[in-house]
């Protein structure tokens, strides 16, 4: 049976219908976080974060002990955040911070948490 898996994974995309999702620039809504609120997101999909302008800090809960690691993001930097990883982007400066977050799937799915390892405050769909 395991010898069939490579064949099936090659054939399925050819026989199953698929759709292309397009998001127009005028459909995007910027999230303005002028109050310094912290957003913690444990998404069920992978995310790629691209820093466009400003300097931000990506805080990620990593490892078996859940250590918080801080990564500075400058314009042009990319960060990959695996699914189910709690993370937060902070702006500790007076400059505007602009980033683009790309997630797999047709729409964002995840949760805003009350704290690191905390309860869901809001579901993102």
PDB file of N, CA and C in Angstrom:
ATOM      1  N   UNK A   1       0.819  -1.201   0.000  1.00  0.00           N
ATOM      2  CA  UNK A   1       0.000   0.000   0.000  1.00  0.00           C
ATOM      3  C   UNK A   1       0.861   1.263   0.000  1.00  0.00           C
ATOM      4  N   UNK A   2       1.971   1.237   0.758  1.00  0.00           N
ATOM      5  CA  UNK A   2       2.814   2.421   0.828  1.00  0.00           C
ATOM      6  C   UNK A   2       3.439   2.754  -0.520  1.00  0.00           C
ATOM      7  N   UNK A   3       3.546   1.766  -1.413  1.00  0.00           N
ATOM      8  CA  UNK A   3       4.096   2.038  -2.742  1.00  0.00           C
ATOM      9  C   UNK A   3       3.117   2.818  -3.608  1.00  0.00           C
ATOM     10  N   UNK A   4       1.846   2.835  -3.230  1.00  0.00           N
ATOM     11  CA  UNK A   4       0.838   3.585  -3.985  1.00  0.00           C
ATOM     12  C   UNK A   4       0.796   5.065  -3.612  1.00  0.00           C
ATOM     13  N   UNK A   5       1.280   5.409  -2.440  1.00  0.00           N
ATOM     14  CA  UNK A   5       1.186   6.798  -1.976  1.00  0.00           C
ATOM     15  C   UNK A   5       1.849   7.801  -2.920  1.00  0.00           C
ATOM     16  N   UNK A   6       3.052   7.562  -3.411  1.00  0.00           N
ATOM     17  CA  UNK A   6       3.640   8.539  -4.339  1.00  0.00           C
ATOM     18  C   UNK A   6       2.813   8.706  -5.615  1.00  0.00           C
ATOM     19  N   UNK A   7       2.247   7.610  -6.107  1.00  0.00           N
ATOM     20  CA  UNK A   7       1.432   7.678  -7.323  1.00  0.00           C
ATOM     21  C   UNK A   7       0.150   8.463  -7.059  1.00  0.00           C
ATOM     22  N   UNK A   8      -0.487   8.180  -5.927  1.00  0.00           N
ATOM     23  CA  UNK A   8      -1.735   8.874  -5.585  1.00  0.00           C
ATOM     24  C   UNK A   8      -1.485  10.369  -5.423  1.00  0.00           C
ATOM     25  N   UNK A   9      -0.393  10.748  -4.753  1.00  0.00           N
ATOM     26  CA  UNK A   9      -0.122  12.173  -4.538  1.00  0.00           C
ATOM     27  C   UNK A   9       0.171  12.903  -5.849  1.00  0.00           C
ATOM     28  N   UNK A  10       0.614  12.186  -6.877  1.00  0.00           N
ATOM     29  CA  UNK A  10       0.845  12.803  -8.181  1.00  0.00           C
ATOM     30  C   UNK A  10      -0.436  12.881  -9.003  1.00  0.00           C
ATOM     31  N   UNK A  11      -1.324  11.903  -8.839  1.00  0.00           N
ATOM     32  CA  UNK A  11      -2.553  11.851  -9.643  1.00  0.00           C
ATOM     33  C   UNK A  11      -3.643  12.764  -9.091  1.00  0.00           C
ATOM     34  N   UNK A  12      -3.789  12.844  -7.780  1.00  0.00           N
ATOM     35  CA  UNK A  12      -4.885  13.614  -7.169  1.00  0.00           C
ATOM     36  C   UNK A  12      -4.986  15.053  -7.680  1.00  0.00           C
ATOM     37  N   UNK A  13      -3.894  15.808  -7.758  1.00  0.00           N
ATOM     38  CA  UNK A  13      -4.031  17.183  -8.260  1.00  0.00           C
ATOM     39  C   UNK A  13      -4.547  17.257  -9.692  1.00  0.00           C
ATOM     40  N   UNK A  14      -4.355  16.201 -10.467  1.00  0.00           N
ATOM     41  CA  UNK A  14      -4.818  16.202 -11.858  1.00  0.00           C
ATOM     42  C   UNK A  14      -6.301  15.906 -11.974  1.00  0.00           C
ATOM     43  N   UNK A  15      -6.880  15.171 -10.999  1.00  0.00           N
ATOM     44  CA  UNK A  15      -8.280  14.775 -11.128  1.00  0.00           C
ATOM     45  C   UNK A  15      -9.227  15.545 -10.210  1.00  0.00           C
ATOM     46  N   UNK A  16      -8.708  16.134  -9.166  1.00  0.00           N
ATOM     47  CA  UNK A  16      -9.566  16.898  -8.254  1.00  0.00           C
ATOM     48  C   UNK A  16      -9.677  18.341  -8.726  1.00  0.00           C
ATOM     49  N   UNK A  17     -10.876  18.899  -8.657  1.00  0.00           N
ATOM     50  CA  UNK A  17     -11.011  20.304  -9.053  1.00  0.00           C
ATOM     51  C   UNK A  17     -10.311  21.208  -8.041  1.00  0.00           C
ATOM     52  N   UNK A  18      -9.763  22.293  -8.522  1.00  0.00           N
ATOM     53  CA  UNK A  18      -9.126  23.255  -7.635  1.00  0.00           C
ATOM     54  C   UNK A  18      -9.526  24.653  -8.058  1.00  0.00           C
ATOM     55  N   UNK A  19      -9.343  25.593  -7.165  1.00  0.00           N
ATOM     56  CA  UNK A  19      -9.676  26.978  -7.462  1.00  0.00           C
ATOM     57  C   UNK A  19      -8.489  27.868  -7.118  1.00  0.00           C
ATOM     58  N   UNK A  20      -8.444  28.984  -7.779  1.00  0.00           N
ATOM     59  CA  UNK A  20      -7.417  29.979  -7.514  1.00  0.00           C
ATOM     60  C   UNK A  20      -8.059  31.124  -6.762  1.00  0.00           C
ATOM     61  N   UNK A  21      -7.449  31.533  -5.676  1.00  0.00           N
ATOM     62  CA  UNK A  21      -7.952  32.652  -4.880  1.00  0.00           C
ATOM     63  C   UNK A  21      -7.138  33.893  -5.203  1.00  0.00           C
ATOM     64  N   UNK A  22      -7.811  34.985  -5.539  1.00  0.00           N
ATOM     65  CA  UNK A  22      -7.141  36.248  -5.837  1.00  0.00           C
ATOM     66  C   UNK A  22      -7.664  37.297  -4.868  1.00  0.00           C
ATOM     67  N   UNK A  23      -6.766  38.010  -4.208  1.00  0.00           N
ATOM     68  CA  UNK A  23      -7.140  39.114  -3.331  1.00  0.00           C
ATOM     69  C   UNK A  23      -6.619  40.396  -3.959  1.00  0.00           C
ATOM     70  N   UNK A  24      -7.516  41.283  -4.277  1.00  0.00           N
ATOM     71  CA  UNK A  24      -7.153  42.553  -4.892  1.00  0.00           C
ATOM     72  C   UNK A  24      -6.648  43.519  -3.823  1.00  0.00           C
ATOM     73  N   UNK A  25      -5.761  44.398  -4.211  1.00  0.00           N
ATOM     74  CA  UNK A  25      -5.176  45.360  -3.273  1.00  0.00           C
ATOM     75  C   UNK A  25      -6.239  46.204  -2.592  1.00  0.00           C
ATOM     76  N   UNK A  26      -7.298  46.557  -3.317  1.00  0.00           N
ATOM     77  CA  UNK A  26      -8.339  47.393  -2.706  1.00  0.00           C
ATOM     78  C   UNK A  26      -9.227  46.612  -1.730  1.00  0.00           C
ATOM     79  N   UNK A  27      -9.032  45.286  -1.654  1.00  0.00           N
ATOM     80  CA  UNK A  27      -9.776  44.468  -0.701  1.00  0.00           C
ATOM     81  C   UNK A  27      -9.020  44.303   0.620  1.00  0.00           C
ATOM     82  N   UNK A  28      -7.758  44.694   0.634  1.00  0.00           N
ATOM     83  CA  UNK A  28      -6.956  44.548   1.840  1.00  0.00           C
ATOM     84  C   UNK A  28      -7.285  45.651   2.836  1.00  0.00           C
ATOM     85  N   UNK A  29      -7.371  45.289   4.075  1.00  0.00           N
ATOM     86  CA  UNK A  29      -7.645  46.254   5.124  1.00  0.00           C
ATOM     87  C   UNK A  29      -6.474  46.261   6.094  1.00  0.00           C
ATOM     88  N   UNK A  30      -5.773  47.387   6.215  1.00  0.00           N
ATOM     89  CA  UNK A  30      -4.647  47.404   7.157  1.00  0.00           C
ATOM     90  C   UNK A  30      -5.138  47.314   8.594  1.00  0.00           C
ATOM     91  N   UNK A  31      -4.384  46.628   9.400  1.00  0.00           N
ATOM     92  CA  UNK A  31      -4.669  46.535  10.831  1.00  0.00           C
ATOM     93  C   UNK A  31      -3.812  47.584  11.514  1.00  0.00           C
ATOM     94  N   UNK A  32      -4.456  48.581  12.071  1.00  0.00           N
ATOM     95  CA  UNK A  32      -3.732  49.643  12.763  1.00  0.00           C
ATOM     96  C   UNK A  32      -3.738  49.332  14.250  1.00  0.00           C
ATOM     97  N   UNK A  33      -2.566  49.237  14.807  1.00  0.00           N
ATOM     98  CA  UNK A  33      -2.420  48.910  16.219  1.00  0.00           C
ATOM     99  C   UNK A  33      -1.752  50.082  16.920  1.00  0.00           C
ATOM    100  N   UNK A  34      -2.439  51.211  16.937  1.00  0.00           N
ATOM    101  CA  UNK A  34      -1.863  52.433  17.480  1.00  0.00           C
ATOM    102  C   UNK A  34      -1.858  52.471  19.001  1.00  0.00           C
ATOM    103  N   UNK A  35      -2.583  51.566  19.638  1.00  0.00           N
ATOM    104  CA  UNK A  35      -2.657  51.582  21.095  1.00  0.00           C
ATOM    105  C   UNK A  35      -1.601  50.698  21.732  1.00  0.00           C
ATOM    106  N   UNK A  36      -0.766  50.039  20.919  1.00  0.00           N
ATOM    107  CA  UNK A  36       0.279  49.193  21.473  1.00  0.00           C
ATOM    108  C   UNK A  36      -0.233  47.875  22.004  1.00  0.00           C
ATOM    109  N   UNK A  37      -1.413  47.470  21.574  1.00  0.00           N
ATOM    110  CA  UNK A  37      -1.953  46.191  22.023  1.00  0.00           C
ATOM    111  C   UNK A  37      -1.067  45.061  21.529  1.00  0.00           C
ATOM    112  N   UNK A  38      -0.937  44.018  22.305  1.00  0.00           N
ATOM    113  CA  UNK A  38      -0.155  42.872  21.866  1.00  0.00           C
ATOM    114  C   UNK A  38      -1.104  41.844  21.263  1.00  0.00           C
ATOM    115  N   UNK A  39      -0.725  41.330  20.112  1.00  0.00           N
ATOM    116  CA  UNK A  39      -1.540  40.349  19.414  1.00  0.00           C
ATOM    117  C   UNK A  39      -0.754  39.052  19.373  1.00  0.00           C
ATOM    118  N   UNK A  40      -1.317  38.026  19.914  1.00  0.00           N
ATOM    119  CA  UNK A  40      -0.669  36.716  19.906  1.00  0.00           C
ATOM    120  C   UNK A  40      -1.544  35.793  19.084  1.00  0.00           C
ATOM    121  N   UNK A  41      -0.945  35.124  18.146  1.00  0.00           N
ATOM    122  CA  UNK A  41      -1.714  34.369  17.176  1.00  0.00           C
ATOM    123  C   UNK A  41      -1.175  32.951  17.092  1.00  0.00           C
ATOM    124  N   UNK A  42      -2.011  31.983  17.343  1.00  0.00           N
ATOM    125  CA  UNK A  42      -1.622  30.583  17.169  1.00  0.00           C
ATOM    126  C   UNK A  42      -2.419  30.050  15.981  1.00  0.00           C
ATOM    127  N   UNK A  43      -1.932  30.297  14.774  1.00  0.00           N
ATOM    128  CA  UNK A  43      -2.658  29.946  13.561  1.00  0.00           C
ATOM    129  C   UNK A  43      -2.499  28.466  13.243  1.00  0.00           C
ATOM    130  N   UNK A  44      -3.501  27.905  12.571  1.00  0.00           N
ATOM    131  CA  UNK A  44      -3.426  26.506  12.171  1.00  0.00           C
ATOM    132  C   UNK A  44      -2.778  26.359  10.797  1.00  0.00           C
ATOM    133  N   UNK A  45      -2.228  27.448  10.272  1.00  0.00           N
ATOM    134  CA  UNK A  45      -1.537  27.418   8.986  1.00  0.00           C
ATOM    135  C   UNK A  45      -0.177  28.094   9.138  1.00  0.00           C
ATOM    136  N   UNK A  46       0.747  27.751   8.231  1.00  0.00           N
ATOM    137  CA  UNK A  46       2.050  28.408   8.227  1.00  0.00           C
ATOM    138  C   UNK A  46       1.892  29.871   7.831  1.00  0.00           C
ATOM    139  N   UNK A  47       2.820  30.701   8.265  1.00  0.00           N
ATOM    140  CA  UNK A  47       2.785  32.124   7.906  1.00  0.00           C
ATOM    141  C   UNK A  47       4.182  32.583   7.498  1.00  0.00           C
ATOM    142  N   UNK A  48       4.224  33.464   6.498  1.00  0.00           N
ATOM    143  CA  UNK A  48       5.463  34.130   6.109  1.00  0.00           C
ATOM    144  C   UNK A  48       5.247  35.614   6.361  1.00  0.00           C
ATOM    145  N   UNK A  49       6.126  36.217   7.129  1.00  0.00           N
ATOM    146  CA  UNK A  49       6.021  37.630   7.471  1.00  0.00           C
ATOM    147  C   UNK A  49       7.110  38.376   6.717  1.00  0.00           C
ATOM    148  N   UNK A  50       6.706  39.410   5.992  1.00  0.00           N
ATOM    149  CA  UNK A  50       7.642  40.229   5.228  1.00  0.00           C
ATOM    150  C   UNK A  50       7.607  41.636   5.801  1.00  0.00           C
ATOM    151  N   UNK A  51       8.733  42.100   6.305  1.00  0.00           N
ATOM    152  CA  UNK A  51       8.821  43.467   6.816  1.00  0.00           C
ATOM    153  C   UNK A  51       8.979  44.412   5.628  1.00  0.00           C
ATOM    154  N   UNK A  52       8.063  45.369   5.495  1.00  0.00           N
ATOM    155  CA  UNK A  52       8.077  46.307   4.371  1.00  0.00           C
ATOM    156  C   UNK A  52       8.772  47.602   4.766  1.00  0.00           C
ATOM    157  N   UNK A  53       8.379  48.172   5.898  1.00  0.00           N
ATOM    158  CA  UNK A  53       9.025  49.393   6.372  1.00  0.00           C
ATOM    159  C   UNK A  53       8.952  49.444   7.890  1.00  0.00           C
ATOM    160  N   UNK A  54       9.841  50.224   8.468  1.00  0.00           N
ATOM    161  CA  UNK A  54       9.923  50.306   9.913  1.00  0.00           C
ATOM    162  C   UNK A  54      10.725  49.134  10.470  1.00  0.00           C
ATOM    163  N   UNK A  55      10.913  49.138  11.770  1.00  0.00           N
ATOM    164  CA  UNK A  55      11.642  48.066  12.437  1.00  0.00           C
ATOM    165  C   UNK A  55      10.721  47.468  13.493  1.00  0.00           C
ATOM    166  N   UNK A  56      10.545  46.158  13.439  1.00  0.00           N
ATOM    167  CA  UNK A  56       9.672  45.485  14.390  1.00  0.00           C
ATOM    168  C   UNK A  56      10.390  44.327  15.048  1.00  0.00           C
ATOM    169  N   UNK A  57       9.738  43.757  16.026  1.00  0.00           N
ATOM    170  CA  UNK A  57      10.267  42.604  16.727  1.00  0.00           C
ATOM    171  C   UNK A  57       9.267  41.468  16.618  1.00  0.00           C
ATOM    172  N   UNK A  58       9.725  40.331  16.120  1.00  0.00           N
ATOM    173  CA  UNK A  58       8.914  39.126  16.090  1.00  0.00           C
ATOM    174  C   UNK A  58       9.266  38.325  17.331  1.00  0.00           C
ATOM    175  N   UNK A  59       8.280  38.092  18.175  1.00  0.00           N
ATOM    176  CA  UNK A  59       8.474  37.297  19.387  1.00  0.00           C
ATOM    177  C   UNK A  59       7.791  35.954  19.134  1.00  0.00           C
ATOM    178  N   UNK A  60       8.543  34.874  19.334  1.00  0.00           N
ATOM    179  CA  UNK A  60       8.027  33.537  19.048  1.00  0.00           C
ATOM    180  C   UNK A  60       8.251  32.644  20.255  1.00  0.00           C
ATOM    181  N   UNK A  61       7.225  31.878  20.599  1.00  0.00           N
ATOM    182  CA  UNK A  61       7.343  30.904  21.690  1.00  0.00           C
ATOM    183  C   UNK A  61       7.887  29.623  21.061  1.00  0.00           C
ATOM    184  N   UNK A  62       9.139  29.268  21.398  1.00  0.00           N
ATOM    185  CA  UNK A  62       9.818  28.159  20.739  1.00  0.00           C
ATOM    186  C   UNK A  62      10.298  27.111  21.729  1.00  0.00           C
ATOM    187  N   UNK A  63      10.494  25.922  21.221  1.00  0.00           N
ATOM    188  CA  UNK A  63      11.095  24.847  22.011  1.00  0.00           C
ATOM    189  C   UNK A  63      10.114  24.162  22.936  1.00  0.00           C
ATOM    190  N   UNK A  64      10.580  23.093  23.551  1.00  0.00           N
ATOM    191  CA  UNK A  64       9.734  22.312  24.448  1.00  0.00           C
ATOM    192  C   UNK A  64       9.391  23.063  25.723  1.00  0.00           C
ATOM    193  N   UNK A  65      10.271  23.980  26.127  1.00  0.00           N
ATOM    194  CA  UNK A  65      10.029  24.747  27.350  1.00  0.00           C
ATOM    195  C   UNK A  65       9.242  26.027  27.086  1.00  0.00           C
ATOM    196  N   UNK A  66       8.944  26.310  25.814  1.00  0.00           N
ATOM    197  CA  UNK A  66       8.181  27.500  25.482  1.00  0.00           C
ATOM    198  C   UNK A  66       8.929  28.789  25.718  1.00  0.00           C
ATOM    199  N   UNK A  67      10.204  28.799  25.375  1.00  0.00           N
ATOM    200  CA  UNK A  67      11.010  30.001  25.560  1.00  0.00           C
ATOM    201  C   UNK A  67      10.599  31.075  24.559  1.00  0.00           C
ATOM    202  N   UNK A  68      10.566  32.325  24.992  1.00  0.00           N
ATOM    203  CA  UNK A  68      10.259  33.440  24.106  1.00  0.00           C
ATOM    204  C   UNK A  68      11.546  33.919  23.460  1.00  0.00           C
ATOM    205  N   UNK A  69      11.585  33.890  22.131  1.00  0.00           N
ATOM    206  CA  UNK A  69      12.754  34.351  21.390  1.00  0.00           C
ATOM    207  C   UNK A  69      12.364  35.601  20.629  1.00  0.00           C
ATOM    208  N   UNK A  70      13.259  36.587  20.622  1.00  0.00           N
ATOM    209  CA  UNK A  70      13.016  37.866  19.960  1.00  0.00           C
ATOM    210  C   UNK A  70      13.868  37.972  18.702  1.00  0.00           C
ATOM    211  N   UNK A  71      13.217  38.292  17.578  1.00  0.00           N
ATOM    212  CA  UNK A  71      13.896  38.435  16.298  1.00  0.00           C
ATOM    213  C   UNK A  71      13.575  39.824  15.739  1.00  0.00           C
ATOM    214  N   UNK A  72      14.587  40.638  15.507  1.00  0.00           N
ATOM    215  CA  UNK A  72      14.369  41.954  14.927  1.00  0.00           C
ATOM    216  C   UNK A  72      14.076  41.804  13.430  1.00  0.00           C
ATOM    217  N   UNK A  73      13.064  42.509  12.947  1.00  0.00           N
ATOM    218  CA  UNK A  73      12.705  42.499  11.527  1.00  0.00           C
ATOM    219  C   UNK A  73      12.892  43.902  10.962  1.00  0.00           C
ATOM    220  N   UNK A  74      13.711  44.003   9.922  1.00  0.00           N
ATOM    221  CA  UNK A  74      13.955  45.266   9.228  1.00  0.00           C
ATOM    222  C   UNK A  74      13.381  45.161   7.821  1.00  0.00           C
ATOM    223  N   UNK A  75      13.222  46.286   7.123  1.00  0.00           N
ATOM    224  CA  UNK A  75      12.671  46.242   5.772  1.00  0.00           C
ATOM    225  C   UNK A  75      13.422  45.250   4.883  1.00  0.00           C
ATOM    226  N   UNK A  76      12.657  44.399   4.216  1.00  0.00           N
ATOM    227  CA  UNK A  76      13.216  43.381   3.338  1.00  0.00           C
ATOM    228  C   UNK A  76      13.386  42.032   4.002  1.00  0.00           C
ATOM    229  N   UNK A  77      13.270  41.976   5.335  1.00  0.00           N
ATOM    230  CA  UNK A  77      13.414  40.700   6.042  1.00  0.00           C
ATOM    231  C   UNK A  77      12.158  39.853   5.897  1.00  0.00           C
ATOM    232  N   UNK A  78      12.354  38.541   5.874  1.00  0.00           N
ATOM    233  CA  UNK A  78      11.263  37.581   5.869  1.00  0.00           C
ATOM    234  C   UNK A  78      11.415  36.682   7.087  1.00  0.00           C
ATOM    235  N   UNK A  79      10.294  36.229   7.630  1.00  0.00           N
ATOM    236  CA  UNK A  79      10.306  35.263   8.727  1.00  0.00           C
ATOM    237  C   UNK A  79       9.264  34.198   8.430  1.00  0.00           C
ATOM    238  N   UNK A  80       9.611  32.958   8.648  1.00  0.00           N
ATOM    239  CA  UNK A  80       8.673  31.842   8.493  1.00  0.00           C
ATOM    240  C   UNK A  80       8.225  31.416   9.885  1.00  0.00           C
ATOM    241  N   UNK A  81       6.916  31.385  10.101  1.00  0.00           N
ATOM    242  CA  UNK A  81       6.358  30.956  11.384  1.00  0.00           C
ATOM    243  C   UNK A  81       5.518  29.716  11.120  1.00  0.00           C
ATOM    244  N   UNK A  82       5.932  28.554  11.644  1.00  0.00           N
ATOM    245  CA  UNK A  82       5.171  27.318  11.401  1.00  0.00           C
ATOM    246  C   UNK A  82       3.784  27.374  12.047  1.00  0.00           C
ATOM    247  N   UNK A  83       2.882  26.567  11.501  1.00  0.00           N
ATOM    248  CA  UNK A  83       1.533  26.456  12.064  1.00  0.00           C
ATOM    249  C   UNK A  83       1.610  26.093  13.540  1.00  0.00           C
ATOM    250  N   UNK A  84       0.638  26.533  14.311  1.00  0.00           N
ATOM    251  CA  UNK A  84       0.488  26.249  15.732  1.00  0.00           C
ATOM    252  C   UNK A  84       1.583  26.876  16.587  1.00  0.00           C
ATOM    253  N   UNK A  85       2.310  27.839  16.039  1.00  0.00           N
ATOM    254  CA  UNK A  85       3.359  28.513  16.805  1.00  0.00           C
ATOM    255  C   UNK A  85       2.831  29.851  17.304  1.00  0.00           C
ATOM    256  N   UNK A  86       2.847  30.042  18.606  1.00  0.00           N
ATOM    257  CA  UNK A  86       2.412  31.324  19.154  1.00  0.00           C
ATOM    258  C   UNK A  86       3.442  32.375  18.803  1.00  0.00           C
ATOM    259  N   UNK A  87       2.969  33.513  18.299  1.00  0.00           N
ATOM    260  CA  UNK A  87       3.897  34.573  17.925  1.00  0.00           C
ATOM    261  C   UNK A  87       3.224  35.930  18.052  1.00  0.00           C
ATOM    262  N   UNK A  88       4.058  36.949  18.039  1.00  0.00           N
ATOM    263  CA  UNK A  88       3.586  38.326  18.203  1.00  0.00           C
ATOM    264  C   UNK A  88       4.559  39.227  17.446  1.00  0.00           C
ATOM    265  N   UNK A  89       4.023  40.241  16.781  1.00  0.00           N
ATOM    266  CA  UNK A  89       4.873  41.250  16.155  1.00  0.00           C
ATOM    267  C   UNK A  89       4.675  42.542  16.935  1.00  0.00           C
ATOM    268  N   UNK A  90       5.783  43.124  17.360  1.00  0.00           N
ATOM    269  CA  UNK A  90       5.718  44.347  18.166  1.00  0.00           C
ATOM    270  C   UNK A  90       6.429  45.482  17.463  1.00  0.00           C
ATOM    271  N   UNK A  91       5.914  46.656  17.674  1.00  0.00           N
ATOM    272  CA  UNK A  91       6.568  47.879  17.225  1.00  0.00           C
ATOM    273  C   UNK A  91       6.940  48.665  18.469  1.00  0.00           C
ATOM    274  N   UNK A  92       8.210  48.677  18.790  1.00  0.00           N
ATOM    275  CA  UNK A  92       8.689  49.376  19.990  1.00  0.00           C
ATOM    276  C   UNK A  92       9.242  50.756  19.661  1.00  0.00           C
ATOM    277  N   UNK A  93       8.957  51.262  18.457  1.00  0.00           N
ATOM    278  CA  UNK A  93       9.478  52.561  18.036  1.00  0.00           C
ATOM    279  C   UNK A  93       8.323  53.513  17.765  1.00  0.00           C
ATOM    280  N   UNK A  94       8.668  54.773  17.433  1.00  0.00           N
ATOM    281  CA  UNK A  94       7.655  55.759  17.054  1.00  0.00           C
ATOM    282  C   UNK A  94       7.365  55.721  15.561  1.00  0.00           C
ATOM    283  N   UNK A  95       8.157  54.940  14.795  1.00  0.00           N
ATOM    284  CA  UNK A  95       7.958  54.825  13.353  1.00  0.00           C
ATOM    285  C   UNK A  95       6.786  53.897  13.045  1.00  0.00           C
ATOM    286  N   UNK A  96       6.175  54.150  11.892  1.00  0.00           N
ATOM    287  CA  UNK A  96       5.138  53.239  11.422  1.00  0.00           C
ATOM    288  C   UNK A  96       5.789  51.927  11.002  1.00  0.00           C
ATOM    289  N   UNK A  97       5.186  50.820  11.373  1.00  0.00           N
ATOM    290  CA  UNK A  97       5.677  49.496  11.008  1.00  0.00           C
ATOM    291  C   UNK A  97       4.690  48.880  10.029  1.00  0.00           C
ATOM    292  N   UNK A  98       5.189  48.504   8.853  1.00  0.00           N
ATOM    293  CA  UNK A  98       4.338  47.891   7.835  1.00  0.00           C
ATOM    294  C   UNK A  98       4.914  46.523   7.518  1.00  0.00           C
ATOM    295  N   UNK A  99       4.069  45.505   7.584  1.00  0.00           N
ATOM    296  CA  UNK A  99       4.493  44.171   7.205  1.00  0.00           C
ATOM    297  C   UNK A  99       3.360  43.497   6.447  1.00  0.00           C
ATOM    298  N   UNK A 100       3.723  42.487   5.653  1.00  0.00           N
ATOM    299  CA  UNK A 100       2.747  41.691   4.919  1.00  0.00           C
ATOM    300  C   UNK A 100       2.835  40.272   5.455  1.00  0.00           C
ATOM    301  N   UNK A 101       1.692  39.729   5.852  1.00  0.00           N
ATOM    302  CA  UNK A 101       1.652  38.363   6.359  1.00  0.00           C
ATOM    303  C   UNK A 101       0.933  37.500   5.326  1.00  0.00           C
ATOM    304  N   UNK A 102       1.603  36.455   4.879  1.00  0.00           N
ATOM    305  CA  UNK A 102       1.029  35.523   3.917  1.00  0.00           C
ATOM    306  C   UNK A 102       0.844  34.185   4.618  1.00  0.00           C
ATOM    307  N   UNK A 103      -0.391  33.679   4.558  1.00  0.00           N
ATOM    308  CA  UNK A 103      -0.679  32.393   5.175  1.00  0.00           C
ATOM    309  C   UNK A 103      -1.159  31.417   4.107  1.00  0.00           C
ATOM    310  N   UNK A 104      -0.883  30.135   4.321  1.00  0.00           N
ATOM    311  CA  UNK A 104      -1.380  29.140   3.387  1.00  0.00           C
ATOM    312  C   UNK A 104      -2.894  29.042   3.533  1.00  0.00           C
ATOM    313  N   UNK A 105      -3.546  28.650   2.463  1.00  0.00           N
ATOM    314  CA  UNK A 105      -4.998  28.553   2.476  1.00  0.00           C
ATOM    315  C   UNK A 105      -5.635  29.813   1.929  1.00  0.00           C
ATOM    316  N   UNK A 106      -6.929  29.753   1.617  1.00  0.00           N
ATOM    317  CA  UNK A 106      -7.602  30.886   0.986  1.00  0.00           C
ATOM    318  C   UNK A 106      -7.914  32.049   1.913  1.00  0.00           C
ATOM    319  N   UNK A 107      -7.889  31.834   3.230  1.00  0.00           N
ATOM    320  CA  UNK A 107      -8.171  32.934   4.155  1.00  0.00           C
ATOM    321  C   UNK A 107      -7.462  32.661   5.483  1.00  0.00           C
ATOM    322  N   UNK A 108      -7.172  33.723   6.227  1.00  0.00           N
ATOM    323  CA  UNK A 108      -6.487  33.529   7.511  1.00  0.00           C
ATOM    324  C   UNK A 108      -7.354  32.761   8.501  1.00  0.00           C
ATOM    325  N   UNK A 109      -6.733  31.880   9.233  1.00  0.00           N
ATOM    326  CA  UNK A 109      -7.415  31.137  10.285  1.00  0.00           C
ATOM    327  C   UNK A 109      -6.473  31.098  11.478  1.00  0.00           C
ATOM    328  N   UNK A 110      -6.970  31.408  12.646  1.00  0.00           N
ATOM    329  CA  UNK A 110      -6.129  31.393  13.833  1.00  0.00           C
ATOM    330  C   UNK A 110      -6.884  31.939  15.019  1.00  0.00           C
ATOM    331  N   UNK A 111      -6.159  32.398  16.015  1.00  0.00           N
ATOM    332  CA  UNK A 111      -6.789  32.915  17.221  1.00  0.00           C
ATOM    333  C   UNK A 111      -5.921  33.973  17.868  1.00  0.00           C
ATOM    334  N   UNK A 112      -6.567  34.980  18.416  1.00  0.00           N
ATOM    335  CA  UNK A 112      -5.907  35.956  19.269  1.00  0.00           C
ATOM    336  C   UNK A 112      -5.997  35.380  20.683  1.00  0.00           C
ATOM    337  N   UNK A 113      -4.858  35.318  21.371  1.00  0.00           N
ATOM    338  CA  UNK A 113      -4.830  34.717  22.692  1.00  0.00           C
ATOM    339  C   UNK A 113      -4.776  35.789  23.779  1.00  0.00           C
ATOM    340  N   UNK A 114      -5.253  35.438  24.967  1.00  0.00           N
ATOM    341  CA  UNK A 114      -5.230  36.373  26.087  1.00  0.00           C
ATOM    342  C   UNK A 114      -3.820  36.591  26.605  1.00  0.00           C
ATOM    343  N   UNK A 115      -2.962  35.582  26.468  1.00  0.00           N
ATOM    344  CA  UNK A 115      -1.574  35.660  26.915  1.00  0.00           C
ATOM    345  C   UNK A 115      -0.838  34.477  26.312  1.00  0.00           C
ATOM    346  N   UNK A 116       0.467  34.397  26.484  1.00  0.00           N
ATOM    347  CA  UNK A 116       1.226  33.259  25.983  1.00  0.00           C
ATOM    348  C   UNK A 116       0.681  31.993  26.616  1.00  0.00           C
ATOM    349  N   UNK A 117       0.221  31.072  25.785  1.00  0.00           N
ATOM    350  CA  UNK A 117      -0.370  29.822  26.287  1.00  0.00           C
ATOM    351  C   UNK A 117      -1.746  30.028  26.881  1.00  0.00           C
ATOM    352  N   UNK A 118      -2.321  31.218  26.678  1.00  0.00           N
ATOM    353  CA  UNK A 118      -3.607  31.549  27.270  1.00  0.00           C
ATOM    354  C   UNK A 118      -4.798  31.084  26.453  1.00  0.00           C
ATOM    355  N   UNK A 119      -5.960  31.490  26.900  1.00  0.00           N
ATOM    356  CA  UNK A 119      -7.216  31.145  26.247  1.00  0.00           C
ATOM    357  C   UNK A 119      -7.415  32.011  24.999  1.00  0.00           C
ATOM    358  N   UNK A 120      -8.282  31.547  24.112  1.00  0.00           N
ATOM    359  CA  UNK A 120      -8.611  32.326  22.929  1.00  0.00           C
ATOM    360  C   UNK A 120      -9.473  33.509  23.323  1.00  0.00           C
ATOM    361  N   UNK A 121      -9.055  34.705  22.896  1.00  0.00           N
ATOM    362  CA  UNK A 121      -9.848  35.907  23.114  1.00  0.00           C
ATOM    363  C   UNK A 121     -10.752  36.151  21.900  1.00  0.00           C
ATOM    364  N   UNK A 122     -10.258  35.743  20.712  1.00  0.00           N
ATOM    365  CA  UNK A 122     -10.992  35.964  19.484  1.00  0.00           C
ATOM    366  C   UNK A 122     -10.466  34.989  18.435  1.00  0.00           C
ATOM    367  N   UNK A 123     -11.373  34.414  17.660  1.00  0.00           N
ATOM    368  CA  UNK A 123     -10.982  33.542  16.553  1.00  0.00           C
ATOM    369  C   UNK A 123     -10.886  34.360  15.292  1.00  0.00           C
ATOM    370  N   UNK A 124      -9.861  34.109  14.491  1.00  0.00           N
ATOM    371  CA  UNK A 124      -9.670  34.817  13.227  1.00  0.00           C
ATOM    372  C   UNK A 124     -10.104  33.888  12.106  1.00  0.00           C
ATOM    373  N   UNK A 125     -11.106  34.301  11.363  1.00  0.00           N
ATOM    374  CA  UNK A 125     -11.547  33.539  10.170  1.00  0.00           C
ATOM    375  C   UNK A 125     -11.979  34.507   9.122  1.00  0.00           C
TER     376      UNK A 125
END
